[in-house]
Every structure is written in C-alpha cells, then in structure tokens.
Amino acid sequence: MCIDTQHGLIGYDVMLPMLQAISAGGVPSLVRVPWNEPGAIMKALDAGAGGVIVPMVNSVEEAGAAVDASRYPPDGIRSMGPIRAREVDTEWRNPICVVMIETVQAVARADEILAVPGIDAVFVGPNDLAVSAGVESSYEGSNPEHRRLIEAIRRAAGAHGVAAGIMCGSPEVAAQWHEAGFVMLGLQSDTRLLAAASEQIAKGAKEMIRRSV
C-alpha cells in the first residue's frame, strides 16, 4: 500500500494514522514523499514507512540524495530517530528506496541513475513521462514513443538488478506490464476506487428500479 503525500490531499498528521492502519492490516507500506527533500524522506521513514518513493529524479546527483536521506551513516546521512519505525519494522535500518523516472531527460540518464548504489526500485510515472515527451498519456503506453520510453526504463532496471514498477490503473494494464517485466504494479488510487464503486452501485440500483417498474 502506498500513501501519496505528493499529490494526495494529506500531510504528516494524516499519513501517520494511515501507516498505523496499514500495519494493523499486515500489509507492507510505502510513502511517496512530496519531493526529493531529506526532511520529508526521514520523517516518513521514522513514522514507520517500509520505504519511500521519491518523485522526479532526473540525475545521478538527485538519485544519490534520495539514497543518502534513506540510509544511516556510513551509507547515507539519515538522522537517528526511528520513533515508530523500530517498534513496527524489524528492517527499519534498511528501508526500500524507490526513485521515480518520469521525464525524457531522466530516461536518457536511466542507466546512470539506476546504477547508484542503494536504489532498490524504480517507479514509472506514465502521466508525467507523457507530458515531458509531448505525447498523449495512457497507462498502457498506446503512443509508440511513450511506450518506447517506458520500456527503456524497464531495460535499464533489469541491467542494474533494480525492481521496475509502474502505475497501471487497471488489472488488464497490470497484466500487460507484468508480462513486459514490471514487478511493482500500482493498480488504482483510493479516489478512483471509490468513484468506480459508487458508479457501479448507482448503475446497479438504476437497473433494479428499471426492472421493477
């Protein structure tokens, strides 16, 4: 389960009880931090996130900064203060560090970025990647250039032993990208899940009423 503090309408005070609920459910947790900023990364990890997803990583230097904020010395600069983390996670010293590659310039440097020691996974942001490339966005990469860029990231991940992830939007698209080598598959956001369920219930109710008339 990923808690989105970048585009999600929440802050730290909401993120924390969400992490508590995820722990109670026995599901691993990730937090997408607002930006590649050490304080945000460290606070999410101290709160008990199993790892962080860092958006808009466009260079080796930015990738190194994300790793540094996620790791304790001598491997990084993370400050010691795992307030909740050490109580709920036996692996709190070794959180997952995921970087997002979601621009054309980052794809061009993907081999260098994903060679940075300490990166565990890369996550593709298909919408931002499409905007950066000036093409229409789709989760399945229907535009040939969009798909080429996505597949280039997957190849770079494979070359460096890094897990490849991508936002999918549906089970069908998840199956497509899994077949292409992606193993970290984002299915849907809570707002879209709620909207889809509401639409299904409303449609079902209208159909039942129609039949009863």
C-alpha atoms as a PDB file:
ATOM      1  CA  MET A   1       0.000   0.000   0.000  1.00  0.00           C
ATOM      2  CA  CYS A   2       1.373   3.382  -0.993  1.00  0.00           C
ATOM      3  CA  ILE A   3       0.464   6.581   0.825  1.00  0.00           C
ATOM      4  CA  ASP A   4       0.756   9.500  -1.561  1.00  0.00           C
ATOM      5  CA  THR A   5       1.888  12.714   0.133  1.00  0.00           C
ATOM      6  CA  GLN A   6       2.923  14.280  -3.185  1.00  0.00           C
ATOM      7  CA  HIS A   7      -0.435  14.514  -4.952  1.00  0.00           C
ATOM      8  CA  GLY A   8      -2.610  13.072  -2.187  1.00  0.00           C
ATOM      9  CA  LEU A   9      -4.518  15.675  -0.171  1.00  0.00           C
ATOM     10  CA  ILE A  10      -2.828  14.812   3.111  1.00  0.00           C
ATOM     11  CA  GLY A  11       0.048  15.849   5.361  1.00  0.00           C
ATOM     12  CA  TYR A  12       2.088  14.205   8.091  1.00  0.00           C
ATOM     13  CA  ASP A  13      -0.730  14.171  10.658  1.00  0.00           C
ATOM     14  CA  VAL A  14      -2.907  12.124   8.292  1.00  0.00           C
ATOM     15  CA  MET A  15      -0.060   9.986   6.957  1.00  0.00           C
ATOM     16  CA  LEU A  16       0.781   8.657  10.437  1.00  0.00           C
ATOM     17  CA  PRO A  17      -2.628   7.097  11.242  1.00  0.00           C
ATOM     18  CA  MET A  18      -2.702   5.704   7.702  1.00  0.00           C
ATOM     19  CA  LEU A  19       0.601   3.943   8.404  1.00  0.00           C
ATOM     20  CA  GLN A  20      -0.840   2.628  11.662  1.00  0.00           C
ATOM     21  CA  ALA A  21      -3.873   1.242   9.833  1.00  0.00           C
ATOM     22  CA  ILE A  22      -1.674  -0.395   7.191  1.00  0.00           C
ATOM     23  CA  SER A  23       0.419  -2.026   9.928  1.00  0.00           C
ATOM     24  CA  ALA A  24      -2.737  -3.337  11.581  1.00  0.00           C
ATOM     25  CA  GLY A  25      -3.722  -4.892   8.276  1.00  0.00           C
ATOM     26  CA  GLY A  26      -0.368  -6.626   7.934  1.00  0.00           C
ATOM     27  CA  VAL A  27       0.443  -5.028   4.576  1.00  0.00           C
ATOM     28  CA  PRO A  28       3.838  -3.518   3.651  1.00  0.00           C
ATOM     29  CA  SER A  29       3.795   0.263   3.312  1.00  0.00           C
ATOM     30  CA  LEU A  30       5.464   2.823   1.088  1.00  0.00           C
ATOM     31  CA  VAL A  31       5.153   6.605   1.199  1.00  0.00           C
ATOM     32  CA  ARG A  32       5.522   8.752  -1.896  1.00  0.00           C
ATOM     33  CA  VAL A  33       7.115  11.861  -0.439  1.00  0.00           C
ATOM     34  CA  PRO A  34       6.265  15.340  -1.757  1.00  0.00           C
ATOM     35  CA  TRP A  35       9.723  15.896  -3.217  1.00  0.00           C
ATOM     36  CA  ASN A  36      13.351  14.779  -3.019  1.00  0.00           C
ATOM     37  CA  GLU A  37      13.875  16.558   0.276  1.00  0.00           C
ATOM     38  CA  PRO A  38      15.774  14.916   3.160  1.00  0.00           C
ATOM     39  CA  GLY A  39      13.432  16.062   5.927  1.00  0.00           C
ATOM     40  CA  ALA A  40      10.330  14.640   4.252  1.00  0.00           C
ATOM     41  CA  ILE A  41      12.063  11.336   3.498  1.00  0.00           C
ATOM     42  CA  MET A  42      13.394  10.930   7.042  1.00  0.00           C
ATOM     43  CA  LYS A  43      10.092  11.803   8.720  1.00  0.00           C
ATOM     44  CA  ALA A  44       8.198   9.263   6.604  1.00  0.00           C
ATOM     45  CA  LEU A  45      10.708   6.548   7.491  1.00  0.00           C
ATOM     46  CA  ASP A  46      10.755   7.496  11.190  1.00  0.00           C
ATOM     47  CA  ALA A  47       6.952   7.228  11.167  1.00  0.00           C
ATOM     48  CA  GLY A  48       7.242   3.585  10.147  1.00  0.00           C
ATOM     49  CA  ALA A  49       7.032   3.533   6.363  1.00  0.00           C
ATOM     50  CA  GLY A  50       8.709   0.472   4.925  1.00  0.00           C
ATOM     51  CA  GLY A  51      10.191   2.658   2.231  1.00  0.00           C
ATOM     52  CA  VAL A  52       9.839   5.843   0.224  1.00  0.00           C
ATOM     53  CA  ILE A  53       9.045   6.637  -3.398  1.00  0.00           C
ATOM     54  CA  VAL A  54      10.893   9.779  -4.448  1.00  0.00           C
ATOM     55  CA  PRO A  55       9.397  11.700  -7.402  1.00  0.00           C
ATOM     56  CA  MET A  56      11.067  13.456 -10.320  1.00  0.00           C
ATOM     57  CA  VAL A  57      14.588  12.053 -10.025  1.00  0.00           C
ATOM     58  CA  ASN A  58      16.391  13.379 -13.094  1.00  0.00           C
ATOM     59  CA  SER A  59      20.092  12.907 -12.382  1.00  0.00           C
ATOM     60  CA  VAL A  60      22.701  10.794 -10.634  1.00  0.00           C
ATOM     61  CA  GLU A  61      23.089  13.533  -8.038  1.00  0.00           C
ATOM     62  CA  GLU A  62      19.375  13.548  -7.255  1.00  0.00           C
ATOM     63  CA  ALA A  63      19.332   9.750  -7.040  1.00  0.00           C
ATOM     64  CA  GLY A  64      22.270   9.866  -4.639  1.00  0.00           C
ATOM     65  CA  ALA A  65      20.481  12.447  -2.494  1.00  0.00           C
ATOM     66  CA  ALA A  66      17.419  10.181  -2.211  1.00  0.00           C
ATOM     67  CA  VAL A  67      19.581   7.251  -1.134  1.00  0.00           C
ATOM     68  CA  ASP A  68      21.547   9.388   1.331  1.00  0.00           C
ATOM     69  CA  ALA A  69      18.375  10.542   3.073  1.00  0.00           C
ATOM     70  CA  SER A  70      17.146   6.940   3.320  1.00  0.00           C
ATOM     71  CA  ARG A  71      20.319   5.387   4.780  1.00  0.00           C
ATOM     72  CA  TYR A  72      22.175   5.778   8.050  1.00  0.00           C
ATOM     73  CA  PRO A  73      25.910   6.545   8.055  1.00  0.00           C
ATOM     74  CA  PRO A  74      28.254   5.380   6.645  1.00  0.00           C
ATOM     75  CA  ASP A  75      25.889   4.691   3.709  1.00  0.00           C
ATOM     76  CA  GLY A  76      23.937   7.915   3.961  1.00  0.00           C
ATOM     77  CA  ILE A  77      23.061  10.948   6.070  1.00  0.00           C
ATOM     78  CA  ARG A  78      19.825   9.827   7.732  1.00  0.00           C
ATOM     79  CA  SER A  79      19.497  11.157  11.260  1.00  0.00           C
ATOM     80  CA  MET A  80      18.948   8.575  14.011  1.00  0.00           C
ATOM     81  CA  GLY A  81      15.430   8.832  15.420  1.00  0.00           C
ATOM     82  CA  PRO A  82      13.219   5.951  14.230  1.00  0.00           C
ATOM     83  CA  ILE A  83      10.423   6.906  16.620  1.00  0.00           C
ATOM     84  CA  ARG A  84       7.799   4.461  15.378  1.00  0.00           C
ATOM     85  CA  ALA A  85       9.798   2.537  12.813  1.00  0.00           C
ATOM     86  CA  ARG A  86      11.808   0.443  15.259  1.00  0.00           C
ATOM     87  CA  GLU A  87       8.621  -0.620  17.058  1.00  0.00           C
ATOM     88  CA  VAL A  88       6.853  -1.959  13.975  1.00  0.00           C
ATOM     89  CA  ASP A  89       9.539  -2.996  11.494  1.00  0.00           C
ATOM     90  CA  THR A  90      12.471  -5.319  12.158  1.00  0.00           C
ATOM     91  CA  GLU A  91      14.061  -3.979   8.955  1.00  0.00           C
ATOM     92  CA  TRP A  92      13.812  -0.330   9.953  1.00  0.00           C
ATOM     93  CA  ARG A  93      17.535   0.164   9.328  1.00  0.00           C
ATOM     94  CA  ASN A  94      17.119  -0.928   5.709  1.00  0.00           C
ATOM     95  CA  PRO A  95      14.080   0.782   4.175  1.00  0.00           C
ATOM     96  CA  ILE A  96      13.247   0.487   0.490  1.00  0.00           C
ATOM     97  CA  CYS A  97      14.383   3.414  -1.642  1.00  0.00           C
ATOM     98  CA  VAL A  98      12.399   3.846  -4.851  1.00  0.00           C
ATOM     99  CA  VAL A  99      13.145   6.610  -7.347  1.00  0.00           C
ATOM    100  CA  MET A 100      10.713   7.812  -9.968  1.00  0.00           C
ATOM    101  CA  ILE A 101      11.852   8.298 -13.550  1.00  0.00           C
ATOM    102  CA  GLU A 102       9.193  10.368 -15.256  1.00  0.00           C
ATOM    103  CA  THR A 103      10.851  12.786 -17.674  1.00  0.00           C
ATOM    104  CA  VAL A 104      12.556  12.415 -21.039  1.00  0.00           C
ATOM    105  CA  GLN A 105      15.842  13.695 -19.625  1.00  0.00           C
ATOM    106  CA  ALA A 106      15.719  11.146 -16.824  1.00  0.00           C
ATOM    107  CA  VAL A 107      15.116   8.300 -19.297  1.00  0.00           C
ATOM    108  CA  ALA A 108      18.238   9.394 -21.196  1.00  0.00           C
ATOM    109  CA  ARG A 109      20.190   9.005 -17.942  1.00  0.00           C
ATOM    110  CA  ALA A 110      18.359   5.933 -16.653  1.00  0.00           C
ATOM    111  CA  ASP A 111      21.405   3.668 -16.824  1.00  0.00           C
ATOM    112  CA  GLU A 112      23.447   6.101 -14.741  1.00  0.00           C
ATOM    113  CA  ILE A 113      20.643   6.838 -12.292  1.00  0.00           C
ATOM    114  CA  LEU A 114      19.821   3.191 -11.633  1.00  0.00           C
ATOM    115  CA  ALA A 115      23.489   2.307 -11.174  1.00  0.00           C
ATOM    116  CA  VAL A 116      23.578   4.428  -7.999  1.00  0.00           C
ATOM    117  CA  PRO A 117      24.174   2.073  -5.037  1.00  0.00           C
ATOM    118  CA  GLY A 118      21.260   1.856  -2.624  1.00  0.00           C
ATOM    119  CA  ILE A 119      18.415   2.205  -5.123  1.00  0.00           C
ATOM    120  CA  ASP A 120      16.064  -0.743  -4.705  1.00  0.00           C
ATOM    121  CA  ALA A 121      13.431   0.040  -7.327  1.00  0.00           C
ATOM    122  CA  VAL A 122      12.374   2.486  -9.996  1.00  0.00           C
ATOM    123  CA  PHE A 123       8.765   3.541 -10.489  1.00  0.00           C
ATOM    124  CA  VAL A 124       7.500   4.968 -13.763  1.00  0.00           C
ATOM    125  CA  GLY A 125       5.100   7.894 -13.668  1.00  0.00           C
ATOM    126  CA  PRO A 126       3.405   7.419 -17.063  1.00  0.00           C
ATOM    127  CA  ASN A 127       1.437  10.666 -16.982  1.00  0.00           C
ATOM    128  CA  ASP A 128       4.396  12.939 -16.244  1.00  0.00           C
ATOM    129  CA  LEU A 129       6.515  10.982 -18.712  1.00  0.00           C
ATOM    130  CA  ALA A 130       3.936  11.550 -21.449  1.00  0.00           C
ATOM    131  CA  VAL A 131       3.719  15.273 -20.642  1.00  0.00           C
ATOM    132  CA  SER A 132       7.510  15.516 -20.761  1.00  0.00           C
ATOM    133  CA  ALA A 133       7.573  13.788 -24.161  1.00  0.00           C
ATOM    134  CA  GLY A 134       4.732  15.905 -25.544  1.00  0.00           C
ATOM    135  CA  VAL A 135       2.500  12.915 -26.269  1.00  0.00           C
ATOM    136  CA  GLU A 136      -0.913  11.789 -25.092  1.00  0.00           C
ATOM    137  CA  SER A 137      -0.798   9.884 -21.835  1.00  0.00           C
ATOM    138  CA  SER A 138      -2.150   6.408 -21.289  1.00  0.00           C
ATOM    139  CA  TYR A 139      -1.388   3.776 -18.691  1.00  0.00           C
ATOM    140  CA  GLU A 140      -0.845   1.159 -21.388  1.00  0.00           C
ATOM    141  CA  GLY A 141       1.567   3.318 -23.432  1.00  0.00           C
ATOM    142  CA  SER A 142      -0.599   3.400 -26.549  1.00  0.00           C
ATOM    143  CA  ASN A 143       1.605   6.068 -28.158  1.00  0.00           C
ATOM    144  CA  PRO A 144       4.705   4.330 -29.631  1.00  0.00           C
ATOM    145  CA  GLU A 145       7.130   6.951 -28.286  1.00  0.00           C
ATOM    146  CA  HIS A 146       5.551   6.785 -24.846  1.00  0.00           C
ATOM    147  CA  ARG A 147       5.866   3.010 -24.813  1.00  0.00           C
ATOM    148  CA  ARG A 148       9.471   3.178 -26.028  1.00  0.00           C
ATOM    149  CA  LEU A 149      10.400   5.433 -23.114  1.00  0.00           C
ATOM    150  CA  ILE A 150       8.652   3.173 -20.594  1.00  0.00           C
ATOM    151  CA  GLU A 151      10.352   0.071 -21.952  1.00  0.00           C
ATOM    152  CA  ALA A 152      13.745   1.821 -21.896  1.00  0.00           C
ATOM    153  CA  ILE A 153      13.318   2.343 -18.144  1.00  0.00           C
ATOM    154  CA  ARG A 154      12.468  -1.318 -17.654  1.00  0.00           C
ATOM    155  CA  ARG A 155      15.566  -2.403 -19.566  1.00  0.00           C
ATOM    156  CA  ALA A 156      17.793  -0.119 -17.505  1.00  0.00           C
ATOM    157  CA  ALA A 157      16.278  -1.508 -14.310  1.00  0.00           C
ATOM    158  CA  GLY A 158      16.953  -5.055 -15.434  1.00  0.00           C
ATOM    159  CA  ALA A 159      20.534  -4.220 -16.344  1.00  0.00           C
ATOM    160  CA  HIS A 160      21.223  -2.980 -12.824  1.00  0.00           C
ATOM    161  CA  GLY A 161      19.214  -5.503 -10.813  1.00  0.00           C
ATOM    162  CA  VAL A 162      16.651  -2.901  -9.782  1.00  0.00           C
ATOM    163  CA  ALA A 163      12.954  -3.769  -9.469  1.00  0.00           C
ATOM    164  CA  ALA A 164      10.815  -1.991 -12.075  1.00  0.00           C
ATOM    165  CA  GLY A 165       7.419  -0.550 -11.191  1.00  0.00           C
ATOM    166  CA  ILE A 166       4.719   1.413 -12.963  1.00  0.00           C
ATOM    167  CA  MET A 167       1.269   2.859 -12.333  1.00  0.00           C
ATOM    168  CA  CYS A 168      -1.252   0.736 -14.216  1.00  0.00           C
ATOM    169  CA  GLY A 169      -4.786   1.888 -13.488  1.00  0.00           C
ATOM    170  CA  SER A 170      -6.445  -1.470 -14.161  1.00  0.00           C
ATOM    171  CA  PRO A 171      -5.859  -5.226 -13.827  1.00  0.00           C
ATOM    172  CA  GLU A 172      -5.617  -5.557 -17.612  1.00  0.00           C
ATOM    173  CA  VAL A 173      -2.838  -2.993 -17.889  1.00  0.00           C
ATOM    174  CA  ALA A 174      -1.104  -4.517 -14.862  1.00  0.00           C
ATOM    175  CA  ALA A 175      -1.028  -7.861 -16.676  1.00  0.00           C
ATOM    176  CA  GLN A 176       0.407  -6.154 -19.760  1.00  0.00           C
ATOM    177  CA  TRP A 177       3.265  -4.515 -17.885  1.00  0.00           C
ATOM    178  CA  HIS A 178       3.952  -7.597 -15.789  1.00  0.00           C
ATOM    179  CA  GLU A 179       4.460  -9.535 -18.992  1.00  0.00           C
ATOM    180  CA  ALA A 180       6.885  -6.801 -20.089  1.00  0.00           C
ATOM    181  CA  GLY A 181       8.966  -7.292 -16.942  1.00  0.00           C
ATOM    182  CA  PHE A 182       7.498  -4.890 -14.405  1.00  0.00           C
ATOM    183  CA  VAL A 183       7.054  -6.359 -10.917  1.00  0.00           C
ATOM    184  CA  MET A 184       5.802  -3.401  -8.860  1.00  0.00           C
ATOM    185  CA  LEU A 185       2.330  -2.690 -10.213  1.00  0.00           C
ATOM    186  CA  GLY A 186       0.252   0.247  -8.994  1.00  0.00           C
ATOM    187  CA  LEU A 187      -3.388  -0.669  -9.545  1.00  0.00           C
ATOM    188  CA  GLN A 188      -5.514   2.326  -8.618  1.00  0.00           C
ATOM    189  CA  SER A 189      -5.902   5.259  -6.234  1.00  0.00           C
ATOM    190  CA  ASP A 190      -8.429   5.340  -3.417  1.00  0.00           C
ATOM    191  CA  THR A 191     -10.389   8.193  -5.034  1.00  0.00           C
ATOM    192  CA  ARG A 192     -10.764   6.286  -8.316  1.00  0.00           C
ATOM    193  CA  LEU A 193     -11.671   3.080  -6.473  1.00  0.00           C
ATOM    194  CA  LEU A 194     -14.389   4.950  -4.568  1.00  0.00           C
ATOM    195  CA  ALA A 195     -15.678   6.588  -7.751  1.00  0.00           C
ATOM    196  CA  ALA A 196     -15.775   3.254  -9.591  1.00  0.00           C
ATOM    197  CA  ALA A 197     -17.598   1.536  -6.727  1.00  0.00           C
ATOM    198  CA  SER A 198     -20.101   4.388  -6.449  1.00  0.00           C
ATOM    199  CA  GLU A 199     -20.746   4.297 -10.181  1.00  0.00           C
ATOM    200  CA  GLN A 200     -21.265   0.531 -10.079  1.00  0.00           C
ATOM    201  CA  ILE A 201     -23.684   0.747  -7.154  1.00  0.00           C
ATOM    202  CA  ALA A 202     -25.658   3.594  -8.772  1.00  0.00           C
ATOM    203  CA  LYS A 203     -25.814   1.716 -12.081  1.00  0.00           C
ATOM    204  CA  GLY A 204     -26.975  -1.445 -10.301  1.00  0.00           C
ATOM    205  CA  ALA A 205     -29.651   0.447  -8.391  1.00  0.00           C
ATOM    206  CA  LYS A 206     -30.984   2.094 -11.550  1.00  0.00           C
ATOM    207  CA  GLU A 207     -31.123  -1.282 -13.299  1.00  0.00           C
ATOM    208  CA  MET A 208     -33.035  -2.865 -10.383  1.00  0.00           C
ATOM    209  CA  ILE A 209     -35.525   0.033 -10.360  1.00  0.00           C
ATOM    210  CA  ARG A 210     -35.987  -0.199 -14.116  1.00  0.00           C
ATOM    211  CA  ARG A 211     -36.779  -3.894 -13.864  1.00  0.00           C
ATOM    212  CA  SER A 212     -39.279  -3.341 -11.079  1.00  0.00           C
ATOM    213  CA  VAL A 213     -41.291  -0.732 -12.972  1.00  0.00           C
END
